[in-house]
């Protein structure tokens, strides 16, 4: 199995994609708005991916956070709130905010499980910092590490109740970035003492099955390389200090924060210690290059992947409309307190 996650170009597999994916056998896939049209179409697409590999449990992921980051949109799917909504409620009633986040994530997970999606790139455990770039902004669960961890844990729990695995991101923390890593490389010059707050939510949830790096340079840890490409950040900070032993994905390798060709970035990320290279944009030359540049999946990565997928549903799960309505009502009643 190739230690990569690839994007798809449209709402159905093309003949070229089908042939390439069958040959390359990637660890999984990531879906975007271009892949999503209707409930029926999306389920057929994910079924076709499972059929392609003959694997009942397959890593099919999406960025369905709520707020401005949502690939499954109205009018087919209901909108979900951004993380800031639960942060506001936490100011008034912490226990209610935790329950609202859990109910919201379970309702969201029901939509994903119906579509045959097994992994959601949520929750963000980035601690929001005043004056930082708005690329995180209202997506964050708060400015205080304990709050972020509590709401993040509830989100993971809610998704899991629906048979969907969450992804803690963006390790070791995107909250201080003064630039958008989609467009340029952010450099964080905070010292070790300050960065302890950024690590705290990840440490609290270090037992999560899947995590994602951030393309950010932390001068306290590596003056030259962003976290995704830094052996020191991955091995010393993420694996040892945070204590994360789950499946570690890169953030999207197409982002302008990284230098070199996409296949070169993938190889460097793998050499630095990332388990899986994430490539979102379905450009066939890049995907072929990644397949040629990556070493085979290690036994350790394969074990982490198996552990991550074991609790997920083996196929698309019929939506429990009544339960989902009950979860929406519970969430909205609690959010109204704020």
Foldseek 3Di string as FASTA:
>chain_A
DAQAEEEAAAQAHDPVRLVVCLVLVYQYYEYALRNDDALVSLQVRLVVVCVSNVFLFGAYEYADAFDPGHSHDPPRDDGAHALLLLLVLCVVPVVLSLLLLLLRLLLVLLSCLQSFHAEYADDEQAAADPQADCPCPRNANYNFNVSSLSSRVSNQNSNLVSQHGYEYDAPLHDRRFNDDQLEAETEAADEPVVSVRSNRSLLSPLVGQHYEHDQYHYCNFPVPGGLLLALRCVVPPNCPVSVHLHQYEYDALNGHHDDDQSLVSLLSSVVSPHQHYYHHNNDVVSVVSVSVRHDHHDPSNVVSSCVRRVSHGSGRDDRPVVSSVVSVVSSVVSSVVD
